[in-house]
All heavy atoms as atom14 arrays in JSON, in Angstrom:
{
  "sequence": "SDTGVGVAQDKIDHIFEAFSQQDTSTTRKYGGTGLGLTIASKVLQKM",
  "atom14_mask": [
    [1, 1, 1, 1, 1, 1, 0, 0, 0, 0, 0, 0, 0, 0],
    [1, 1, 1, 1, 1, 1, 1, 1, 0, 0, 0, 0, 0, 0],
    [1, 1, 1, 1, 1, 1, 1, 0, 0, 0, 0, 0, 0, 0],
    [1, 1, 1, 1, 0, 0, 0, 0, 0, 0, 0, 0, 0, 0],
    [1, 1, 1, 1, 1, 1, 1, 0, 0, 0, 0, 0, 0, 0],
    [1, 1, 1, 1, 0, 0, 0, 0, 0, 0, 0, 0, 0, 0],
    [1, 1, 1, 1, 1, 1, 1, 0, 0, 0, 0, 0, 0, 0],
    [1, 1, 1, 1, 1, 0, 0, 0, 0, 0, 0, 0, 0, 0],
    [1, 1, 1, 1, 1, 1, 1, 1, 1, 0, 0, 0, 0, 0],
    [1, 1, 1, 1, 1, 1, 1, 1, 0, 0, 0, 0, 0, 0],
    [1, 1, 1, 1, 1, 1, 1, 1, 1, 0, 0, 0, 0, 0],
    [1, 1, 1, 1, 1, 1, 1, 1, 0, 0, 0, 0, 0, 0],
    [1, 1, 1, 1, 1, 1, 1, 1, 0, 0, 0, 0, 0, 0],
    [1, 1, 1, 1, 1, 1, 1, 1, 1, 1, 0, 0, 0, 0],
    [1, 1, 1, 1, 1, 1, 1, 1, 0, 0, 0, 0, 0, 0],
    [1, 1, 1, 1, 1, 1, 1, 1, 1, 1, 1, 0, 0, 0],
    [1, 1, 1, 1, 1, 1, 1, 1, 1, 0, 0, 0, 0, 0],
    [1, 1, 1, 1, 1, 0, 0, 0, 0, 0, 0, 0, 0, 0],
    [1, 1, 1, 1, 1, 1, 1, 1, 1, 1, 1, 0, 0, 0],
    [1, 1, 1, 1, 1, 1, 0, 0, 0, 0, 0, 0, 0, 0],
    [1, 1, 1, 1, 1, 1, 1, 1, 1, 0, 0, 0, 0, 0],
    [1, 1, 1, 1, 1, 1, 1, 1, 1, 0, 0, 0, 0, 0],
    [1, 1, 1, 1, 1, 1, 1, 1, 0, 0, 0, 0, 0, 0],
    [1, 1, 1, 1, 1, 1, 1, 0, 0, 0, 0, 0, 0, 0],
    [1, 1, 1, 1, 1, 1, 0, 0, 0, 0, 0, 0, 0, 0],
    [1, 1, 1, 1, 1, 1, 1, 0, 0, 0, 0, 0, 0, 0],
    [1, 1, 1, 1, 1, 1, 1, 0, 0, 0, 0, 0, 0, 0],
    [1, 1, 1, 1, 1, 1, 1, 1, 1, 1, 1, 0, 0, 0],
    [1, 1, 1, 1, 1, 1, 1, 1, 1, 0, 0, 0, 0, 0],
    [1, 1, 1, 1, 1, 1, 1, 1, 1, 1, 1, 1, 0, 0],
    [1, 1, 1, 1, 0, 0, 0, 0, 0, 0, 0, 0, 0, 0],
    [1, 1, 1, 1, 0, 0, 0, 0, 0, 0, 0, 0, 0, 0],
    [1, 1, 1, 1, 1, 1, 1, 0, 0, 0, 0, 0, 0, 0],
    [1, 1, 1, 1, 0, 0, 0, 0, 0, 0, 0, 0, 0, 0],
    [1, 1, 1, 1, 1, 1, 1, 1, 0, 0, 0, 0, 0, 0],
    [1, 1, 1, 1, 0, 0, 0, 0, 0, 0, 0, 0, 0, 0],
    [1, 1, 1, 1, 1, 1, 1, 1, 0, 0, 0, 0, 0, 0],
    [1, 1, 1, 1, 1, 1, 1, 0, 0, 0, 0, 0, 0, 0],
    [1, 1, 1, 1, 1, 1, 1, 1, 0, 0, 0, 0, 0, 0],
    [1, 1, 1, 1, 1, 0, 0, 0, 0, 0, 0, 0, 0, 0],
    [1, 1, 1, 1, 1, 1, 0, 0, 0, 0, 0, 0, 0, 0],
    [1, 1, 1, 1, 1, 1, 1, 1, 1, 0, 0, 0, 0, 0],
    [1, 1, 1, 1, 1, 1, 1, 0, 0, 0, 0, 0, 0, 0],
    [1, 1, 1, 1, 1, 1, 1, 1, 0, 0, 0, 0, 0, 0],
    [1, 1, 1, 1, 1, 1, 1, 1, 1, 0, 0, 0, 0, 0],
    [1, 1, 1, 1, 1, 1, 1, 1, 1, 0, 0, 0, 0, 0],
    [1, 1, 1, 1, 1, 1, 1, 1, 0, 0, 0, 0, 0, 0]
  ],
  "atom14_positions": [
    [[-6.77, 3.96, 11.46], [-7.58, 3.46, 10.35], [-8.55, 4.6, 9.97], [-8.88, 5.43, 10.76], [-8.2, 2.19, 10.57], [-9.09, 2.23, 11.7], [0.0, 0.0, 0.0], [0.0, 0.0, 0.0], [0.0, 0.0, 0.0], [0.0, 0.0, 0.0], [0.0, 0.0, 0.0], [0.0, 0.0, 0.0], [0.0, 0.0, 0.0], [0.0, 0.0, 0.0]],
    [[-9.04, 4.51, 8.7], [-9.97, 5.52, 8.31], [-10.88, 4.91, 7.24], [-10.67, 3.87, 6.85], [-9.31, 6.82, 7.86], [-8.44, 6.52, 6.61], [-8.91, 6.15, 5.61], [-7.18, 6.79, 6.78], [0.0, 0.0, 0.0], [0.0, 0.0, 0.0], [0.0, 0.0, 0.0], [0.0, 0.0, 0.0], [0.0, 0.0, 0.0], [0.0, 0.0, 0.0]],
    [[-11.91, 5.74, 6.88], [-12.88, 5.27, 5.89], [-12.6, 6.13, 4.58], [-13.55, 6.35, 3.85], [-14.34, 5.52, 6.33], [-14.51, 6.91, 6.71], [-14.71, 4.65, 7.56], [0.0, 0.0, 0.0], [0.0, 0.0, 0.0], [0.0, 0.0, 0.0], [0.0, 0.0, 0.0], [0.0, 0.0, 0.0], [0.0, 0.0, 0.0], [0.0, 0.0, 0.0]],
    [[-11.34, 6.43, 4.45], [-10.93, 7.22, 3.25], [-10.87, 6.43, 1.9], [-11.41, 5.36, 1.89], [0.0, 0.0, 0.0], [0.0, 0.0, 0.0], [0.0, 0.0, 0.0], [0.0, 0.0, 0.0], [0.0, 0.0, 0.0], [0.0, 0.0, 0.0], [0.0, 0.0, 0.0], [0.0, 0.0, 0.0], [0.0, 0.0, 0.0], [0.0, 0.0, 0.0]],
    [[-10.13, 7.07, 1.0], [-10.17, 6.52, -0.39], [-9.46, 5.16, -0.45], [-9.65, 4.38, -1.37], [-9.52, 7.48, -1.36], [-10.37, 8.74, -1.4], [-8.11, 7.87, -1.0], [0.0, 0.0, 0.0], [0.0, 0.0, 0.0], [0.0, 0.0, 0.0], [0.0, 0.0, 0.0], [0.0, 0.0, 0.0], [0.0, 0.0, 0.0], [0.0, 0.0, 0.0]],
    [[-8.59, 4.89, 0.46], [-7.86, 3.58, 0.53], [-6.71, 3.6, -0.56], [-6.47, 4.48, -1.26], [0.0, 0.0, 0.0], [0.0, 0.0, 0.0], [0.0, 0.0, 0.0], [0.0, 0.0, 0.0], [0.0, 0.0, 0.0], [0.0, 0.0, 0.0], [0.0, 0.0, 0.0], [0.0, 0.0, 0.0], [0.0, 0.0, 0.0], [0.0, 0.0, 0.0]],
    [[-6.11, 2.41, -0.59], [-5.05, 2.23, -1.53], [-5.27, 0.95, -2.31], [-5.62, -0.07, -1.74], [-3.62, 2.06, -0.72], [-2.48, 1.76, -1.63], [-3.4, 3.3, 0.07], [0.0, 0.0, 0.0], [0.0, 0.0, 0.0], [0.0, 0.0, 0.0], [0.0, 0.0, 0.0], [0.0, 0.0, 0.0], [0.0, 0.0, 0.0], [0.0, 0.0, 0.0]],
    [[-5.09, 1.03, -3.66], [-5.29, -0.14, -4.43], [-4.36, -1.26, -4.03], [-3.25, -1.0, -3.67], [-5.09, 0.25, -5.89], [0.0, 0.0, 0.0], [0.0, 0.0, 0.0], [0.0, 0.0, 0.0], [0.0, 0.0, 0.0], [0.0, 0.0, 0.0], [0.0, 0.0, 0.0], [0.0, 0.0, 0.0], [0.0, 0.0, 0.0], [0.0, 0.0, 0.0]],
    [[-4.84, -2.5, -4.12], [-4.04, -3.65, -3.65], [-2.68, -3.74, -4.36], [-1.72, -4.09, -3.69], [-4.79, -4.95, -3.96], [-4.28, -6.16, -3.19], [-4.26, -6.04, -1.72], [-5.22, -5.54, -1.1], [-3.26, -6.56, -1.11], [0.0, 0.0, 0.0], [0.0, 0.0, 0.0], [0.0, 0.0, 0.0], [0.0, 0.0, 0.0], [0.0, 0.0, 0.0]],
    [[-2.65, -3.4, -5.6], [-1.35, -3.5, -6.36], [-0.38, -2.39, -5.99], [0.77, -2.36, -6.46], [-1.57, -3.52, -7.88], [-2.2, -2.27, -8.47], [-2.98, -1.59, -7.68], [-1.93, -1.99, -9.62], [0.0, 0.0, 0.0], [0.0, 0.0, 0.0], [0.0, 0.0, 0.0], [0.0, 0.0, 0.0], [0.0, 0.0, 0.0], [0.0, 0.0, 0.0]],
    [[-0.81, -1.34, -5.23], [0.0, -0.23, -4.82], [0.51, -0.35, -3.37], [1.35, 0.33, -2.94], [-0.73, 1.08, -4.97], [-1.2, 1.39, -6.33], [-0.14, 1.58, -7.32], [-0.69, 1.92, -8.7], [0.27, 2.08, -9.72], [0.0, 0.0, 0.0], [0.0, 0.0, 0.0], [0.0, 0.0, 0.0], [0.0, 0.0, 0.0], [0.0, 0.0, 0.0]],
    [[-0.01, -1.26, -2.61], [0.27, -1.42, -1.12], [1.73, -1.53, -0.91], [2.3, -0.94, -0.03], [-0.48, -2.66, -0.52], [-1.93, -2.36, -0.57], [0.01, -2.95, 0.83], [-2.51, -1.62, 0.58], [0.0, 0.0, 0.0], [0.0, 0.0, 0.0], [0.0, 0.0, 0.0], [0.0, 0.0, 0.0], [0.0, 0.0, 0.0], [0.0, 0.0, 0.0]],
    [[2.43, -2.38, -1.73], [3.8, -2.62, -1.49], [4.77, -1.4, -1.7], [5.88, -1.36, -1.41], [4.39, -3.78, -2.4], [3.74, -5.1, -1.95], [3.36, -5.25, -0.75], [3.63, -6.03, -2.84], [0.0, 0.0, 0.0], [0.0, 0.0, 0.0], [0.0, 0.0, 0.0], [0.0, 0.0, 0.0], [0.0, 0.0, 0.0], [0.0, 0.0, 0.0]],
    [[4.17, -0.36, -2.36], [4.95, 0.8, -2.76], [4.65, 2.08, -1.92], [5.37, 3.0, -2.25], [4.72, 1.12, -4.29], [5.05, -0.1, -5.08], [6.33, -0.5, -5.44], [4.25, -0.96, -5.68], [6.29, -1.55, -6.13], [5.07, -1.92, -6.38], [0.0, 0.0, 0.0], [0.0, 0.0, 0.0], [0.0, 0.0, 0.0], [0.0, 0.0, 0.0]],
    [[3.75, 2.04, -0.99], [3.38, 3.27, -0.37], [4.47, 3.82, 0.55], [4.35, 5.02, 0.9], [2.0, 3.11, 0.39], [2.1, 2.15, 1.56], [0.88, 2.87, -0.58], [0.9, 2.09, 2.38], [0.0, 0.0, 0.0], [0.0, 0.0, 0.0], [0.0, 0.0, 0.0], [0.0, 0.0, 0.0], [0.0, 0.0, 0.0], [0.0, 0.0, 0.0]],
    [[5.44, 3.04, 0.9], [6.54, 3.55, 1.77], [7.7, 4.0, 0.94], [8.75, 4.38, 1.49], [6.87, 2.51, 2.78], [5.74, 2.36, 3.8], [5.0, 1.16, 3.74], [5.49, 3.28, 4.81], [3.97, 0.97, 4.64], [4.45, 3.08, 5.71], [3.69, 1.88, 5.66], [0.0, 0.0, 0.0], [0.0, 0.0, 0.0], [0.0, 0.0, 0.0]],
    [[7.67, 3.92, -0.38], [8.75, 4.35, -1.15], [8.67, 5.82, -1.43], [7.59, 6.47, -1.59], [8.69, 3.69, -2.61], [8.86, 2.16, -2.5], [8.68, 1.46, -3.85], [8.39, 2.12, -4.86], [8.74, 0.21, -3.81], [0.0, 0.0, 0.0], [0.0, 0.0, 0.0], [0.0, 0.0, 0.0], [0.0, 0.0, 0.0], [0.0, 0.0, 0.0]],
    [[9.85, 6.53, -1.49], [9.9, 7.98, -1.65], [9.18, 8.36, -2.97], [9.32, 7.74, -4.01], [11.33, 8.45, -1.69], [0.0, 0.0, 0.0], [0.0, 0.0, 0.0], [0.0, 0.0, 0.0], [0.0, 0.0, 0.0], [0.0, 0.0, 0.0], [0.0, 0.0, 0.0], [0.0, 0.0, 0.0], [0.0, 0.0, 0.0], [0.0, 0.0, 0.0]],
    [[8.46, 9.43, -2.92], [7.74, 10.08, -4.05], [6.7, 9.14, -4.73], [6.31, 9.4, -5.82], [8.74, 10.59, -5.06], [9.74, 11.46, -4.53], [11.07, 11.13, -4.34], [9.39, 12.79, -4.07], [12.03, 11.98, -3.86], [10.36, 13.65, -3.57], [11.69, 13.24, -3.46], [0.0, 0.0, 0.0], [0.0, 0.0, 0.0], [0.0, 0.0, 0.0]],
    [[6.26, 8.12, -4.01], [5.32, 7.13, -4.52], [3.93, 7.54, -4.01], [3.72, 7.77, -2.82], [5.71, 5.81, -4.05], [4.74, 4.87, -4.48], [0.0, 0.0, 0.0], [0.0, 0.0, 0.0], [0.0, 0.0, 0.0], [0.0, 0.0, 0.0], [0.0, 0.0, 0.0], [0.0, 0.0, 0.0], [0.0, 0.0, 0.0], [0.0, 0.0, 0.0]],
    [[2.99, 7.7, -4.96], [1.59, 7.9, -4.65], [0.81, 6.92, -5.51], [1.28, 6.4, -6.52], [1.22, 9.34, -4.81], [1.88, 10.25, -3.84], [1.26, 11.6, -3.79], [0.44, 11.97, -4.64], [1.64, 12.42, -2.83], [0.0, 0.0, 0.0], [0.0, 0.0, 0.0], [0.0, 0.0, 0.0], [0.0, 0.0, 0.0], [0.0, 0.0, 0.0]],
    [[-0.47, 6.75, -5.18], [-1.26, 5.81, -5.94], [-1.25, 6.03, -7.44], [-0.97, 5.06, -8.16], [-2.73, 5.84, -5.38], [-3.54, 4.81, -5.98], [-4.63, 4.27, -5.02], [-4.37, 4.11, -3.83], [-5.77, 4.03, -5.54], [0.0, 0.0, 0.0], [0.0, 0.0, 0.0], [0.0, 0.0, 0.0], [0.0, 0.0, 0.0], [0.0, 0.0, 0.0]],
    [[-1.47, 7.21, -7.86], [-1.29, 7.61, -9.29], [-1.21, 9.09, -9.36], [-1.32, 9.86, -8.4], [-2.39, 7.03, -10.14], [-3.82, 7.48, -9.65], [-4.0, 8.61, -9.34], [-4.72, 6.6, -9.61], [0.0, 0.0, 0.0], [0.0, 0.0, 0.0], [0.0, 0.0, 0.0], [0.0, 0.0, 0.0], [0.0, 0.0, 0.0], [0.0, 0.0, 0.0]],
    [[-0.97, 9.67, -10.53], [-0.84, 11.1, -10.69], [-2.09, 11.87, -10.33], [-2.01, 13.01, -9.84], [-0.39, 11.45, -12.06], [-1.37, 10.91, -12.99], [0.96, 10.96, -12.41], [0.0, 0.0, 0.0], [0.0, 0.0, 0.0], [0.0, 0.0, 0.0], [0.0, 0.0, 0.0], [0.0, 0.0, 0.0], [0.0, 0.0, 0.0], [0.0, 0.0, 0.0]],
    [[-3.27, 11.25, -10.49], [-4.48, 11.99, -10.11], [-4.54, 12.21, -8.63], [-5.11, 13.19, -8.13], [-5.75, 11.18, -10.58], [-5.83, 9.97, -9.82], [0.0, 0.0, 0.0], [0.0, 0.0, 0.0], [0.0, 0.0, 0.0], [0.0, 0.0, 0.0], [0.0, 0.0, 0.0], [0.0, 0.0, 0.0], [0.0, 0.0, 0.0], [0.0, 0.0, 0.0]],
    [[-3.94, 11.33, -7.79], [-3.89, 11.49, -6.33], [-3.12, 12.8, -6.06], [-3.55, 13.65, -5.2], [-3.18, 10.31, -5.65], [-3.91, 9.09, -5.97], [-3.12, 10.5, -4.15], [0.0, 0.0, 0.0], [0.0, 0.0, 0.0], [0.0, 0.0, 0.0], [0.0, 0.0, 0.0], [0.0, 0.0, 0.0], [0.0, 0.0, 0.0], [0.0, 0.0, 0.0]],
    [[-1.95, 13.01, -6.69], [-1.16, 14.21, -6.48], [-1.94, 15.42, -6.87], [-1.96, 16.4, -6.16], [0.14, 14.12, -7.37], [0.83, 12.89, -6.98], [1.07, 15.28, -7.05], [0.0, 0.0, 0.0], [0.0, 0.0, 0.0], [0.0, 0.0, 0.0], [0.0, 0.0, 0.0], [0.0, 0.0, 0.0], [0.0, 0.0, 0.0], [0.0, 0.0, 0.0]],
    [[-2.65, 15.37, -8.01], [-3.45, 16.54, -8.45], [-4.57, 16.87, -7.47], [-4.84, 17.97, -7.16], [-3.97, 16.3, -9.85], [-2.93, 16.5, -10.96], [-3.66, 16.57, -12.32], [-4.44, 15.42, -12.59], [-4.04, 14.3, -13.15], [-2.82, 14.09, -13.42], [-4.94, 13.28, -13.31], [0.0, 0.0, 0.0], [0.0, 0.0, 0.0], [0.0, 0.0, 0.0]],
    [[-5.28, 15.82, -7.05], [-6.52, 16.04, -6.24], [-6.14, 16.34, -4.77], [-6.75, 17.21, -4.14], [-7.33, 14.75, -6.24], [-8.69, 14.89, -5.48], [-9.55, 13.77, -5.68], [-10.86, 13.92, -4.98], [-11.82, 12.87, -5.18], [0.0, 0.0, 0.0], [0.0, 0.0, 0.0], [0.0, 0.0, 0.0], [0.0, 0.0, 0.0], [0.0, 0.0, 0.0]],
    [[-5.09, 15.69, -4.21], [-4.91, 15.86, -2.73], [-3.56, 16.59, -2.4], [-3.41, 17.0, -1.31], [-4.82, 14.46, -2.05], [-6.11, 13.7, -2.13], [-6.32, 12.69, -3.05], [-7.21, 14.03, -1.31], [-7.53, 11.96, -3.16], [-8.39, 13.34, -1.33], [-8.52, 12.31, -2.28], [-9.67, 11.67, -2.34], [0.0, 0.0, 0.0], [0.0, 0.0, 0.0]],
    [[-2.77, 16.73, -3.43], [-1.48, 17.41, -3.12], [-0.45, 16.44, -2.43], [-0.68, 15.28, -2.23], [0.0, 0.0, 0.0], [0.0, 0.0, 0.0], [0.0, 0.0, 0.0], [0.0, 0.0, 0.0], [0.0, 0.0, 0.0], [0.0, 0.0, 0.0], [0.0, 0.0, 0.0], [0.0, 0.0, 0.0], [0.0, 0.0, 0.0], [0.0, 0.0, 0.0]],
    [[0.66, 17.06, -2.02], [1.65, 16.28, -1.29], [2.75, 15.78, -2.27], [2.62, 15.84, -3.43], [0.0, 0.0, 0.0], [0.0, 0.0, 0.0], [0.0, 0.0, 0.0], [0.0, 0.0, 0.0], [0.0, 0.0, 0.0], [0.0, 0.0, 0.0], [0.0, 0.0, 0.0], [0.0, 0.0, 0.0], [0.0, 0.0, 0.0], [0.0, 0.0, 0.0]],
    [[3.81, 15.29, -1.6], [4.97, 14.79, -2.38], [5.16, 13.29, -2.39], [5.99, 12.76, -3.13], [6.26, 15.45, -1.87], [6.38, 15.1, -0.5], [6.24, 16.92, -1.97], [0.0, 0.0, 0.0], [0.0, 0.0, 0.0], [0.0, 0.0, 0.0], [0.0, 0.0, 0.0], [0.0, 0.0, 0.0], [0.0, 0.0, 0.0], [0.0, 0.0, 0.0]],
    [[4.48, 12.65, -1.54], [4.64, 11.25, -1.34], [5.87, 10.86, -0.52], [6.45, 9.83, -0.6], [0.0, 0.0, 0.0], [0.0, 0.0, 0.0], [0.0, 0.0, 0.0], [0.0, 0.0, 0.0], [0.0, 0.0, 0.0], [0.0, 0.0, 0.0], [0.0, 0.0, 0.0], [0.0, 0.0, 0.0], [0.0, 0.0, 0.0], [0.0, 0.0, 0.0]],
    [[6.25, 11.84, 0.44], [7.32, 11.54, 1.28], [6.98, 11.24, 2.72], [7.67, 10.66, 3.52], [8.27, 12.78, 1.36], [9.14, 12.95, 0.1], [9.86, 14.25, 0.21], [10.07, 11.77, -0.06], [0.0, 0.0, 0.0], [0.0, 0.0, 0.0], [0.0, 0.0, 0.0], [0.0, 0.0, 0.0], [0.0, 0.0, 0.0], [0.0, 0.0, 0.0]],
    [[5.75, 11.6, 3.11], [5.31, 11.4, 4.51], [5.46, 10.0, 5.06], [6.0, 9.82, 6.11], [0.0, 0.0, 0.0], [0.0, 0.0, 0.0], [0.0, 0.0, 0.0], [0.0, 0.0, 0.0], [0.0, 0.0, 0.0], [0.0, 0.0, 0.0], [0.0, 0.0, 0.0], [0.0, 0.0, 0.0], [0.0, 0.0, 0.0], [0.0, 0.0, 0.0]],
    [[4.91, 8.99, 4.35], [5.02, 7.66, 4.84], [6.42, 7.08, 4.7], [6.87, 6.27, 5.6], [4.02, 6.79, 4.07], [2.59, 7.03, 4.25], [1.8, 6.09, 3.32], [2.14, 6.85, 5.73], [0.0, 0.0, 0.0], [0.0, 0.0, 0.0], [0.0, 0.0, 0.0], [0.0, 0.0, 0.0], [0.0, 0.0, 0.0], [0.0, 0.0, 0.0]],
    [[7.15, 7.59, 3.71], [8.57, 7.16, 3.68], [9.36, 7.61, 4.88], [10.12, 6.86, 5.45], [9.23, 7.73, 2.4], [8.48, 7.27, 1.28], [10.67, 7.31, 2.21], [0.0, 0.0, 0.0], [0.0, 0.0, 0.0], [0.0, 0.0, 0.0], [0.0, 0.0, 0.0], [0.0, 0.0, 0.0], [0.0, 0.0, 0.0], [0.0, 0.0, 0.0]],
    [[9.19, 8.88, 5.21], [9.92, 9.48, 6.35], [9.49, 8.7, 7.64], [10.34, 8.35, 8.41], [9.69, 10.99, 6.44], [10.4, 11.62, 5.31], [10.19, 11.55, 7.81], [9.98, 13.12, 5.12], [0.0, 0.0, 0.0], [0.0, 0.0, 0.0], [0.0, 0.0, 0.0], [0.0, 0.0, 0.0], [0.0, 0.0, 0.0], [0.0, 0.0, 0.0]],
    [[8.21, 8.55, 7.82], [7.73, 7.83, 9.03], [8.32, 6.46, 9.15], [8.74, 6.0, 10.18], [6.22, 7.75, 9.05], [0.0, 0.0, 0.0], [0.0, 0.0, 0.0], [0.0, 0.0, 0.0], [0.0, 0.0, 0.0], [0.0, 0.0, 0.0], [0.0, 0.0, 0.0], [0.0, 0.0, 0.0], [0.0, 0.0, 0.0], [0.0, 0.0, 0.0]],
    [[8.29, 5.73, 8.04], [8.85, 4.37, 8.04], [10.36, 4.31, 8.36], [10.82, 3.52, 9.21], [8.64, 3.76, 6.62], [9.22, 2.54, 6.55], [0.0, 0.0, 0.0], [0.0, 0.0, 0.0], [0.0, 0.0, 0.0], [0.0, 0.0, 0.0], [0.0, 0.0, 0.0], [0.0, 0.0, 0.0], [0.0, 0.0, 0.0], [0.0, 0.0, 0.0]],
    [[11.11, 5.26, 7.79], [12.54, 5.33, 8.04], [12.87, 5.68, 9.5], [13.78, 5.04, 10.14], [13.22, 6.39, 7.14], [13.1, 6.03, 5.7], [14.09, 5.06, 5.21], [14.1, 4.99, 3.69], [14.37, 3.64, 3.22], [0.0, 0.0, 0.0], [0.0, 0.0, 0.0], [0.0, 0.0, 0.0], [0.0, 0.0, 0.0], [0.0, 0.0, 0.0]],
    [[12.09, 6.56, 10.08], [12.31, 6.96, 11.5], [12.0, 5.82, 12.35], [12.76, 5.5, 13.34], [11.42, 8.22, 11.83], [11.55, 8.43, 13.34], [11.99, 9.47, 11.08], [0.0, 0.0, 0.0], [0.0, 0.0, 0.0], [0.0, 0.0, 0.0], [0.0, 0.0, 0.0], [0.0, 0.0, 0.0], [0.0, 0.0, 0.0], [0.0, 0.0, 0.0]],
    [[10.92, 5.07, 12.11], [10.56, 3.95, 12.95], [11.62, 2.84, 12.79], [11.96, 2.26, 13.86], [9.12, 3.36, 12.52], [8.01, 4.16, 13.0], [6.72, 3.67, 12.29], [7.87, 4.15, 14.48], [0.0, 0.0, 0.0], [0.0, 0.0, 0.0], [0.0, 0.0, 0.0], [0.0, 0.0, 0.0], [0.0, 0.0, 0.0], [0.0, 0.0, 0.0]],
    [[12.12, 2.6, 11.64], [13.2, 1.63, 11.47], [14.45, 1.99, 12.23], [15.07, 1.13, 12.89], [13.59, 1.49, 9.97], [12.53, 0.76, 9.14], [12.81, 0.79, 7.63], [13.87, 1.29, 7.25], [11.88, 0.31, 6.88], [0.0, 0.0, 0.0], [0.0, 0.0, 0.0], [0.0, 0.0, 0.0], [0.0, 0.0, 0.0], [0.0, 0.0, 0.0]],
    [[14.79, 3.32, 12.25], [16.03, 3.71, 12.98], [15.79, 3.56, 14.52], [16.78, 3.31, 15.23], [16.3, 5.15, 12.66], [16.64, 5.45, 11.24], [18.07, 5.88, 11.18], [18.41, 6.17, 9.68], [19.56, 5.47, 9.14], [0.0, 0.0, 0.0], [0.0, 0.0, 0.0], [0.0, 0.0, 0.0], [0.0, 0.0, 0.0], [0.0, 0.0, 0.0]],
    [[14.57, 3.71, 14.99], [14.25, 3.55, 16.37], [14.11, 2.08, 16.82], [13.96, 1.72, 17.94], [13.12, 4.33, 16.78], [13.27, 5.82, 16.8], [11.86, 6.73, 17.63], [10.55, 6.48, 16.58], [0.0, 0.0, 0.0], [0.0, 0.0, 0.0], [0.0, 0.0, 0.0], [0.0, 0.0, 0.0], [0.0, 0.0, 0.0], [0.0, 0.0, 0.0]]
  ]
}
């Protein structure tokens, strides 16, 4: 857990979807592709 920016309640269900980020400003400000949580989720499911 962290004290970071957090995720809006209406976006929580989508954070594990490929290329999904909170909004386009998140991509501009922080970078990334939106694949990290998707990959982590898929690997955990496979295990």
